[in-house]
Amino acid sequence: MSAPAEPSAAAADTAPAPKRRDLAQFVVCAVMVAVGVFLIVDALSLSDGFAKVDPVGPRLFPLVIGGALVVFAAALGVAILRGSTGEADGGEDVDLDSSGDWRTVGLLVALFVATIALIDFLGWAIVGTFLFAGAATILGSRHWIRNIAIGAVLGFGSFYAFYVGLGIPLPAGILDGIL
C-alpha cells in the first residue's frame, strides 16, 4: 500500500481563477428596463382608434414586448450577480489589434441621414433603391450597375409589398401618381 499522493505545486497553479463580475453589463440591463417601461407606458396610452373591432387591439404587442424586456433584464441582472459572463472573443476572423473602419461607419451614417432627409421629396421607391445600392457599394461591392438593379428591385418591391400587400402607404415622392 502506498501513501496518498500530495497535490503538486503545479496543480495548485492551474486552479481556475475566481470569476469576476462584469458590472458594465448592468448598463445593458438598465437600457432594457428603460425601453421596456417606455413601451409599457406608451402602450397603455394608445387609443383603440380604428381597431375597435380587433379583439387583440393595438396594446397587446407593445405590452408583451415591454414586459418581456423587463423580465429578460431581471434575468440578465441575476445572471450577472451570479458571475455569469460571456465567452471572450477569440478573434478567429477579426484582427483585434486593428482599429475600427470609421470611414465605412461614417459613410453608412451619411447614407441613412440622406435617406431620412430625402424620403418625403423623392419617395421610398427611389430612396430605397439608393439606400440598398449605396449600402452594398459602401460595404465593398464594386458592381455598381448590379447594385442599382438589385436596389431597384428591393426598393420598388418593398414599396408595393407595403402598399398592396399590407395596405401601408409609403411616401411616393416625385413619383406620386405614377406608382
Protein backbone atom coordinates (compact mmCIF):
# COMPACT_ATOMS: atom_id res chain seq x y z
CA MET A 1 0.00 0.00 0.00
CA SER A 2 1.23 3.39 -0.83
CA ALA A 3 0.51 6.69 0.84
CA PRO A 4 -1.95 9.07 -0.85
CA ALA A 5 -0.24 11.42 -3.26
CA GLU A 6 0.20 15.01 -2.21
CA PRO A 7 -1.05 17.63 -4.68
CA SER A 8 1.89 19.07 -6.53
CA ALA A 9 2.72 22.76 -6.75
CA ALA A 10 1.97 22.69 -10.48
CA ALA A 11 -1.61 21.55 -9.81
CA ALA A 12 -2.14 24.47 -7.44
CA ASP A 13 -1.02 26.94 -10.15
CA THR A 14 -3.60 25.67 -12.64
CA ALA A 15 -6.58 26.18 -10.34
CA PRO A 16 -9.23 28.31 -12.01
CA ALA A 17 -9.20 31.95 -11.07
CA PRO A 18 -12.34 33.23 -9.39
CA LYS A 19 -14.84 34.72 -11.85
CA ARG A 20 -15.11 38.48 -11.89
CA ARG A 21 -18.47 40.14 -12.24
CA ASP A 22 -18.72 42.32 -15.30
CA LEU A 23 -20.67 45.15 -13.74
CA ALA A 24 -20.70 47.11 -17.01
CA GLN A 25 -23.37 44.67 -18.20
CA PHE A 26 -25.78 46.37 -15.81
CA VAL A 27 -25.87 49.22 -18.35
CA VAL A 28 -27.47 46.77 -20.79
CA CYS A 29 -29.97 45.81 -18.09
CA ALA A 30 -30.78 49.46 -17.43
CA VAL A 31 -31.35 50.15 -21.13
CA MET A 32 -33.56 47.07 -21.44
CA VAL A 33 -35.63 48.17 -18.44
CA ALA A 34 -35.90 51.74 -19.75
CA VAL A 35 -37.08 50.59 -23.19
CA GLY A 36 -39.44 48.03 -21.67
CA VAL A 37 -41.02 50.55 -19.30
CA PHE A 38 -41.31 53.09 -22.13
CA LEU A 39 -43.11 50.53 -24.30
CA ILE A 40 -45.49 49.58 -21.48
CA VAL A 41 -46.33 53.20 -20.59
CA ASP A 42 -46.73 54.15 -24.25
CA ALA A 43 -48.92 51.11 -24.96
CA LEU A 44 -51.23 51.97 -22.08
CA SER A 45 -51.76 55.43 -23.59
CA LEU A 46 -52.82 54.08 -27.02
CA SER A 47 -56.42 54.61 -28.06
CA ASP A 48 -58.42 51.95 -29.82
CA GLY A 49 -58.88 54.16 -32.88
CA PHE A 50 -59.82 52.13 -35.93
CA ALA A 51 -59.04 48.85 -34.17
CA LYS A 52 -62.24 48.75 -32.08
CA VAL A 53 -63.38 45.58 -33.84
CA ASP A 54 -59.99 43.92 -33.45
CA PRO A 55 -60.10 41.52 -30.48
CA VAL A 56 -56.37 41.87 -29.89
CA GLY A 57 -56.17 45.65 -30.05
CA PRO A 58 -53.14 47.87 -30.53
CA ARG A 59 -51.87 47.47 -26.96
CA LEU A 60 -51.10 43.75 -26.89
CA PHE A 61 -47.79 43.56 -28.74
CA PRO A 62 -46.11 46.59 -27.12
CA LEU A 63 -47.20 45.30 -23.71
CA VAL A 64 -45.84 41.81 -24.42
CA ILE A 65 -42.54 43.11 -25.80
CA GLY A 66 -42.12 45.67 -22.99
CA GLY A 67 -42.91 43.07 -20.34
CA ALA A 68 -40.51 40.58 -21.92
CA LEU A 69 -37.74 43.21 -21.95
CA VAL A 70 -38.23 43.89 -18.23
CA VAL A 71 -38.29 40.15 -17.40
CA PHE A 72 -35.19 39.44 -19.51
CA ALA A 73 -33.39 42.41 -17.94
CA ALA A 74 -34.12 40.97 -14.49
CA ALA A 75 -32.89 37.55 -15.58
CA LEU A 76 -29.72 39.08 -17.01
CA GLY A 77 -29.18 41.02 -13.78
CA VAL A 78 -29.45 37.84 -11.73
CA ALA A 79 -27.04 36.07 -14.08
CA ILE A 80 -24.55 38.93 -13.77
CA LEU A 81 -24.76 38.86 -9.98
CA ARG A 82 -24.10 35.12 -10.04
CA GLY A 83 -20.91 35.74 -12.02
CA SER A 84 -22.05 34.64 -15.45
CA THR A 85 -20.02 36.25 -18.21
CA GLY A 86 -19.87 35.78 -21.92
CA GLU A 87 -17.06 33.89 -23.55
CA ALA A 88 -14.21 36.16 -24.62
CA ASP A 89 -13.87 36.67 -28.36
CA GLY A 90 -11.07 34.54 -29.66
CA GLY A 91 -10.62 36.79 -32.66
CA GLU A 92 -10.62 33.95 -35.17
CA ASP A 93 -11.90 36.08 -38.00
CA VAL A 94 -11.26 39.50 -36.50
CA ASP A 95 -7.95 41.27 -36.13
CA LEU A 96 -8.24 42.52 -32.56
CA ASP A 97 -5.20 44.77 -32.99
CA SER A 98 -6.63 46.84 -35.87
CA SER A 99 -8.76 49.90 -35.33
CA GLY A 100 -12.35 50.19 -36.50
CA ASP A 101 -13.20 51.22 -40.03
CA TRP A 102 -14.62 54.64 -39.17
CA ARG A 103 -14.79 55.72 -42.82
CA THR A 104 -17.28 52.95 -43.60
CA VAL A 105 -19.29 53.72 -40.48
CA GLY A 106 -19.36 57.42 -41.36
CA LEU A 107 -20.45 56.73 -44.93
CA LEU A 108 -23.26 54.43 -43.76
CA VAL A 109 -24.44 57.05 -41.25
CA ALA A 110 -24.38 59.69 -44.00
CA LEU A 111 -26.38 57.36 -46.25
CA PHE A 112 -29.03 56.85 -43.52
CA VAL A 113 -29.21 60.62 -42.86
CA ALA A 114 -29.62 61.27 -46.60
CA THR A 115 -32.37 58.64 -46.71
CA ILE A 116 -34.22 60.35 -43.87
CA ALA A 117 -33.79 63.78 -45.44
CA LEU A 118 -34.88 62.79 -48.96
CA ILE A 119 -37.63 60.25 -48.37
CA ASP A 120 -40.51 62.76 -48.45
CA PHE A 121 -39.27 64.51 -51.59
CA LEU A 122 -38.04 61.56 -53.66
CA GLY A 123 -40.24 58.83 -52.16
CA TRP A 124 -39.42 55.41 -50.79
CA ALA A 125 -39.03 53.64 -54.13
CA ILE A 126 -36.20 55.94 -55.29
CA VAL A 127 -34.60 56.49 -51.89
CA GLY A 128 -34.85 52.77 -51.09
CA THR A 129 -33.08 51.99 -54.36
CA PHE A 130 -30.20 54.28 -53.45
CA LEU A 131 -30.18 53.07 -49.83
CA PHE A 132 -29.76 49.42 -50.80
CA ALA A 133 -27.34 50.12 -53.68
CA GLY A 134 -25.34 52.63 -51.63
CA ALA A 135 -25.03 50.30 -48.64
CA ALA A 136 -23.82 47.46 -50.87
CA THR A 137 -21.28 49.76 -52.52
CA ILE A 138 -20.06 51.19 -49.20
CA LEU A 139 -19.66 47.68 -47.79
CA GLY A 140 -17.40 46.64 -50.64
CA SER A 141 -19.36 45.62 -53.73
CA ARG A 142 -17.84 47.17 -56.86
CA HIS A 143 -20.62 46.07 -59.24
CA TRP A 144 -22.43 49.42 -59.36
CA ILE A 145 -24.89 48.53 -62.12
CA ARG A 146 -25.87 45.31 -60.36
CA ASN A 147 -26.12 47.16 -57.03
CA ILE A 148 -28.56 49.66 -58.54
CA ALA A 149 -30.57 46.91 -60.26
CA ILE A 150 -30.88 44.89 -57.05
CA GLY A 151 -31.59 48.09 -55.11
CA ALA A 152 -34.37 48.98 -57.56
CA VAL A 153 -35.94 45.54 -57.18
CA LEU A 154 -35.76 45.84 -53.39
CA GLY A 155 -36.89 49.50 -53.28
CA PHE A 156 -39.84 49.17 -55.65
CA GLY A 157 -40.67 45.65 -54.44
CA SER A 158 -40.83 46.75 -50.81
CA PHE A 159 -42.89 49.81 -51.82
CA TYR A 160 -45.50 47.61 -53.46
CA ALA A 161 -45.27 44.94 -50.75
CA PHE A 162 -46.19 47.53 -48.13
CA TYR A 163 -48.73 49.39 -50.27
CA VAL A 164 -50.54 46.48 -51.89
CA GLY A 165 -49.77 43.59 -49.56
CA LEU A 166 -50.08 45.32 -46.18
CA GLY A 167 -52.12 48.38 -47.07
CA ILE A 168 -49.48 50.71 -45.63
CA PRO A 169 -48.77 53.65 -47.93
CA LEU A 170 -45.12 54.64 -48.10
CA PRO A 171 -44.21 58.09 -49.44
CA ALA A 172 -44.24 58.12 -53.25
CA GLY A 173 -42.46 61.48 -53.52
CA ILE A 174 -41.89 62.73 -57.05
CA LEU A 175 -43.39 59.51 -58.43
CA ASP A 176 -46.77 60.29 -56.85
CA GLY A 177 -49.42 59.50 -59.43
CA ILE A 178 -47.09 57.20 -61.35
CA LEU A 179 -46.75 54.42 -58.78
